[in-house]
Amino acid sequence: MSFFNDPKRIPENYGLRIAAGLIVYFVVMHMLGYGHHVELRLINLVILAGGIYFALKKFKETHGQQMNYFRALVTGVATAAIGSVLFGVFMFIYMKLDASMMQSIIDNEPMGRYLNAYMASFIVALEGVFSGLLVTFVMLNYFTTDEVGS
């Protein structure tokens, strides 16, 4: 059984896909000159939600169409955490290599003068984890899950 088909590796599998999607989106927007548009970060939420949706769908498929609410919640949040932390690591490396991006953040953001590459990448990762928690919670209300007491 390969890594991408292992039902015990769903968070890692889809977390890597989320991270890849976020990295590709960031690089494309940066190359097109839209890297400074903060509003485009909303697309990150769409990428994150898509990855979580497909992770939960795969979880349900591989577990005989049964989905325990709390295990599904852990799967969704773990998927988002893996994708977000990997993207945060990428952003840290990118900001260390491209000092002009970090300087642009310092100059243009309201709290920018208090930030460095460590804090900025940590905030990116933390934002992704909490967004993933919220997205997972909302999605689980639309998936059919087992009763909590059973």
C-alpha atoms as a PDB file:
ATOM      1  CA  MET A   1       0.000   0.000   0.000  1.00  0.00           C
ATOM      2  CA  SER A   2       1.432   3.357  -0.990  1.00  0.00           C
ATOM      3  CA  PHE A   3       1.552   6.485   1.130  1.00  0.00           C
ATOM      4  CA  PHE A   4      -1.183   8.125  -0.949  1.00  0.00           C
ATOM      5  CA  ASN A   5      -3.607   5.218  -0.510  1.00  0.00           C
ATOM      6  CA  ASP A   6      -3.008   4.435   3.164  1.00  0.00           C
ATOM      7  CA  PRO A   7      -6.190   5.196   5.165  1.00  0.00           C
ATOM      8  CA  LYS A   8      -4.028   5.860   8.247  1.00  0.00           C
ATOM      9  CA  ARG A   9      -2.161   8.634   6.424  1.00  0.00           C
ATOM     10  CA  ILE A  10      -5.087  10.778   5.248  1.00  0.00           C
ATOM     11  CA  PRO A  11      -4.038  13.932   7.174  1.00  0.00           C
ATOM     12  CA  GLU A  12      -0.453  13.709   5.913  1.00  0.00           C
ATOM     13  CA  ASN A  13      -1.558  12.973   2.348  1.00  0.00           C
ATOM     14  CA  TYR A  14      -4.050  15.810   2.055  1.00  0.00           C
ATOM     15  CA  GLY A  15      -1.969  18.156   4.224  1.00  0.00           C
ATOM     16  CA  LEU A  16       0.847  17.831   1.685  1.00  0.00           C
ATOM     17  CA  ARG A  17      -1.634  18.570  -1.094  1.00  0.00           C
ATOM     18  CA  ILE A  18      -2.902  21.670   0.718  1.00  0.00           C
ATOM     19  CA  ALA A  19       0.670  22.890   1.260  1.00  0.00           C
ATOM     20  CA  ALA A  20       1.497  22.310  -2.409  1.00  0.00           C
ATOM     21  CA  GLY A  21      -1.622  24.192  -3.485  1.00  0.00           C
ATOM     22  CA  LEU A  22      -0.851  27.127  -1.191  1.00  0.00           C
ATOM     23  CA  ILE A  23       2.773  27.287  -2.332  1.00  0.00           C
ATOM     24  CA  VAL A  24       1.881  27.151  -6.025  1.00  0.00           C
ATOM     25  CA  TYR A  25      -0.801  29.807  -5.544  1.00  0.00           C
ATOM     26  CA  PHE A  26       1.620  32.064  -3.647  1.00  0.00           C
ATOM     27  CA  VAL A  27       4.376  31.706  -6.237  1.00  0.00           C
ATOM     28  CA  VAL A  28       2.014  32.363  -9.160  1.00  0.00           C
ATOM     29  CA  MET A  29       0.500  35.452  -7.498  1.00  0.00           C
ATOM     30  CA  HIS A  30       3.945  36.733  -6.561  1.00  0.00           C
ATOM     31  CA  MET A  31       5.238  36.232 -10.122  1.00  0.00           C
ATOM     32  CA  LEU A  32       2.191  38.057 -11.529  1.00  0.00           C
ATOM     33  CA  GLY A  33       2.845  40.990  -9.210  1.00  0.00           C
ATOM     34  CA  TYR A  34      -0.165  40.459  -6.956  1.00  0.00           C
ATOM     35  CA  GLY A  35       1.828  39.365  -3.905  1.00  0.00           C
ATOM     36  CA  HIS A  36       1.028  42.562  -2.023  1.00  0.00           C
ATOM     37  CA  HIS A  37      -2.780  42.219  -2.315  1.00  0.00           C
ATOM     38  CA  VAL A  38      -3.862  40.997   1.101  1.00  0.00           C
ATOM     39  CA  GLU A  39      -7.409  40.278  -0.113  1.00  0.00           C
ATOM     40  CA  LEU A  40      -6.139  37.400  -2.268  1.00  0.00           C
ATOM     41  CA  ARG A  41      -5.427  35.471   0.937  1.00  0.00           C
ATOM     42  CA  LEU A  42      -9.110  34.519   0.907  1.00  0.00           C
ATOM     43  CA  ILE A  43      -8.258  32.069  -1.877  1.00  0.00           C
ATOM     44  CA  ASN A  44      -5.995  30.340   0.667  1.00  0.00           C
ATOM     45  CA  LEU A  45      -9.165  29.547   2.610  1.00  0.00           C
ATOM     46  CA  VAL A  46     -10.719  28.001  -0.507  1.00  0.00           C
ATOM     47  CA  ILE A  47      -7.613  25.832  -1.036  1.00  0.00           C
ATOM     48  CA  LEU A  48      -7.655  24.821   2.630  1.00  0.00           C
ATOM     49  CA  ALA A  49     -11.386  24.037   2.573  1.00  0.00           C
ATOM     50  CA  GLY A  50     -11.002  21.948  -0.591  1.00  0.00           C
ATOM     51  CA  GLY A  51      -8.215  19.893   0.960  1.00  0.00           C
ATOM     52  CA  ILE A  52     -10.185  19.317   4.155  1.00  0.00           C
ATOM     53  CA  TYR A  53     -13.302  18.370   2.195  1.00  0.00           C
ATOM     54  CA  PHE A  54     -11.458  15.757   0.158  1.00  0.00           C
ATOM     55  CA  ALA A  55      -9.688  14.445   3.280  1.00  0.00           C
ATOM     56  CA  LEU A  56     -13.029  13.972   5.052  1.00  0.00           C
ATOM     57  CA  LYS A  57     -14.522  12.391   1.946  1.00  0.00           C
ATOM     58  CA  LYS A  58     -11.580   9.954   1.744  1.00  0.00           C
ATOM     59  CA  PHE A  59     -11.916   9.245   5.467  1.00  0.00           C
ATOM     60  CA  LYS A  60     -15.560   8.286   4.982  1.00  0.00           C
ATOM     61  CA  GLU A  61     -14.772   6.125   1.924  1.00  0.00           C
ATOM     62  CA  THR A  62     -12.000   4.209   3.668  1.00  0.00           C
ATOM     63  CA  HIS A  63     -13.983   3.606   6.849  1.00  0.00           C
ATOM     64  CA  GLY A  64     -17.022   1.865   5.345  1.00  0.00           C
ATOM     65  CA  GLN A  65     -19.109   5.040   4.990  1.00  0.00           C
ATOM     66  CA  GLN A  66     -18.975   5.404   8.794  1.00  0.00           C
ATOM     67  CA  MET A  67     -17.632   8.632  10.215  1.00  0.00           C
ATOM     68  CA  ASN A  68     -17.217   9.172  13.924  1.00  0.00           C
ATOM     69  CA  TYR A  69     -17.634  12.891  14.591  1.00  0.00           C
ATOM     70  CA  PHE A  70     -14.578  13.323  16.803  1.00  0.00           C
ATOM     71  CA  ARG A  71     -12.251  11.222  14.639  1.00  0.00           C
ATOM     72  CA  ALA A  72     -13.382  13.213  11.619  1.00  0.00           C
ATOM     73  CA  LEU A  73     -12.786  16.463  13.522  1.00  0.00           C
ATOM     74  CA  VAL A  74      -9.248  15.334  14.379  1.00  0.00           C
ATOM     75  CA  THR A  75      -8.658  14.270  10.766  1.00  0.00           C
ATOM     76  CA  GLY A  76      -9.767  17.632   9.387  1.00  0.00           C
ATOM     77  CA  VAL A  77      -7.817  19.715  11.891  1.00  0.00           C
ATOM     78  CA  ALA A  78      -4.688  17.554  11.502  1.00  0.00           C
ATOM     79  CA  THR A  79      -4.936  17.898   7.721  1.00  0.00           C
ATOM     80  CA  ALA A  80      -5.181  21.683   7.996  1.00  0.00           C
ATOM     81  CA  ALA A  81      -2.374  21.825  10.561  1.00  0.00           C
ATOM     82  CA  ILE A  82       0.030  19.834   8.403  1.00  0.00           C
ATOM     83  CA  GLY A  83      -0.728  21.919   5.320  1.00  0.00           C
ATOM     84  CA  SER A  84      -0.525  25.222   7.212  1.00  0.00           C
ATOM     85  CA  VAL A  85       2.673  24.435   9.083  1.00  0.00           C
ATOM     86  CA  LEU A  86       4.393  23.304   5.893  1.00  0.00           C
ATOM     87  CA  PHE A  87       3.258  26.501   4.172  1.00  0.00           C
ATOM     88  CA  GLY A  88       4.503  28.505   7.176  1.00  0.00           C
ATOM     89  CA  VAL A  89       7.915  26.822   6.854  1.00  0.00           C
ATOM     90  CA  PHE A  90       7.945  27.653   3.145  1.00  0.00           C
ATOM     91  CA  MET A  91       7.072  31.281   3.912  1.00  0.00           C
ATOM     92  CA  PHE A  92       9.857  31.470   6.496  1.00  0.00           C
ATOM     93  CA  ILE A  93      12.418  30.207   3.987  1.00  0.00           C
ATOM     94  CA  TYR A  94      11.047  32.517   1.303  1.00  0.00           C
ATOM     95  CA  MET A  95      11.164  35.580   3.560  1.00  0.00           C
ATOM     96  CA  LYS A  96      14.747  34.735   4.571  1.00  0.00           C
ATOM     97  CA  LEU A  97      15.769  34.439   0.895  1.00  0.00           C
ATOM     98  CA  ASP A  98      13.792  37.479  -0.305  1.00  0.00           C
ATOM     99  CA  ALA A  99      14.476  40.235   2.213  1.00  0.00           C
ATOM    100  CA  SER A 100      12.473  42.730   0.139  1.00  0.00           C
ATOM    101  CA  MET A 101       9.242  40.867   0.907  1.00  0.00           C
ATOM    102  CA  MET A 102       9.854  41.019   4.645  1.00  0.00           C
ATOM    103  CA  GLN A 103      10.773  44.695   4.352  1.00  0.00           C
ATOM    104  CA  SER A 104       7.547  45.341   2.432  1.00  0.00           C
ATOM    105  CA  ILE A 105       5.570  43.722   5.251  1.00  0.00           C
ATOM    106  CA  ILE A 106       7.412  45.828   7.828  1.00  0.00           C
ATOM    107  CA  ASP A 107       6.772  49.033   5.860  1.00  0.00           C
ATOM    108  CA  ASN A 108       3.150  48.483   4.799  1.00  0.00           C
ATOM    109  CA  GLU A 109       1.401  46.508   7.523  1.00  0.00           C
ATOM    110  CA  PRO A 110       0.009  48.226  10.644  1.00  0.00           C
ATOM    111  CA  MET A 111       1.923  45.947  13.045  1.00  0.00           C
ATOM    112  CA  GLY A 112       4.746  45.300  10.586  1.00  0.00           C
ATOM    113  CA  ARG A 113       7.450  47.033  12.564  1.00  0.00           C
ATOM    114  CA  TYR A 114       7.025  44.408  15.288  1.00  0.00           C
ATOM    115  CA  LEU A 115       7.394  41.469  12.913  1.00  0.00           C
ATOM    116  CA  ASN A 116      10.314  39.416  11.710  1.00  0.00           C
ATOM    117  CA  ALA A 117      10.403  36.325   9.488  1.00  0.00           C
ATOM    118  CA  TYR A 118       9.912  34.023  12.480  1.00  0.00           C
ATOM    119  CA  MET A 119       6.808  35.798  13.738  1.00  0.00           C
ATOM    120  CA  ALA A 120       5.300  36.324  10.287  1.00  0.00           C
ATOM    121  CA  SER A 121       5.640  32.657   9.329  1.00  0.00           C
ATOM    122  CA  PHE A 122       4.316  31.578  12.742  1.00  0.00           C
ATOM    123  CA  ILE A 123       1.278  33.821  12.256  1.00  0.00           C
ATOM    124  CA  VAL A 124       0.678  32.322   8.800  1.00  0.00           C
ATOM    125  CA  ALA A 125       0.801  28.792  10.240  1.00  0.00           C
ATOM    126  CA  LEU A 126      -1.385  29.683  13.229  1.00  0.00           C
ATOM    127  CA  GLU A 127      -3.949  31.398  11.012  1.00  0.00           C
ATOM    128  CA  GLY A 128      -4.132  28.272   8.853  1.00  0.00           C
ATOM    129  CA  VAL A 129      -4.582  25.944  11.822  1.00  0.00           C
ATOM    130  CA  PHE A 130      -7.427  27.995  13.294  1.00  0.00           C
ATOM    131  CA  SER A 131      -9.037  28.462   9.872  1.00  0.00           C
ATOM    132  CA  GLY A 132      -8.823  24.697   9.435  1.00  0.00           C
ATOM    133  CA  LEU A 133     -10.515  24.159  12.789  1.00  0.00           C
ATOM    134  CA  LEU A 134     -13.378  26.449  11.801  1.00  0.00           C
ATOM    135  CA  VAL A 135     -13.714  24.974   8.297  1.00  0.00           C
ATOM    136  CA  THR A 136     -13.693  21.418   9.665  1.00  0.00           C
ATOM    137  CA  PHE A 137     -16.304  22.255  12.274  1.00  0.00           C
ATOM    138  CA  VAL A 138     -18.597  23.807   9.661  1.00  0.00           C
ATOM    139  CA  MET A 139     -18.090  20.962   7.162  1.00  0.00           C
ATOM    140  CA  LEU A 140     -18.846  18.262   9.710  1.00  0.00           C
ATOM    141  CA  ASN A 141     -22.305  19.710  10.084  1.00  0.00           C
ATOM    142  CA  TYR A 142     -22.938  18.809   6.432  1.00  0.00           C
ATOM    143  CA  PHE A 143     -21.366  15.335   6.530  1.00  0.00           C
ATOM    144  CA  THR A 144     -23.407  12.486   7.966  1.00  0.00           C
ATOM    145  CA  THR A 145     -21.597  11.364  11.082  1.00  0.00           C
ATOM    146  CA  ASP A 146     -22.266   8.661  13.627  1.00  0.00           C
ATOM    147  CA  GLU A 147     -24.078   9.563  16.794  1.00  0.00           C
ATOM    148  CA  VAL A 148     -21.767  10.762  19.537  1.00  0.00           C
ATOM    149  CA  GLY A 149     -22.961   8.112  21.996  1.00  0.00           C
ATOM    150  CA  SER A 150     -22.542   5.123  19.659  1.00  0.00           C
END
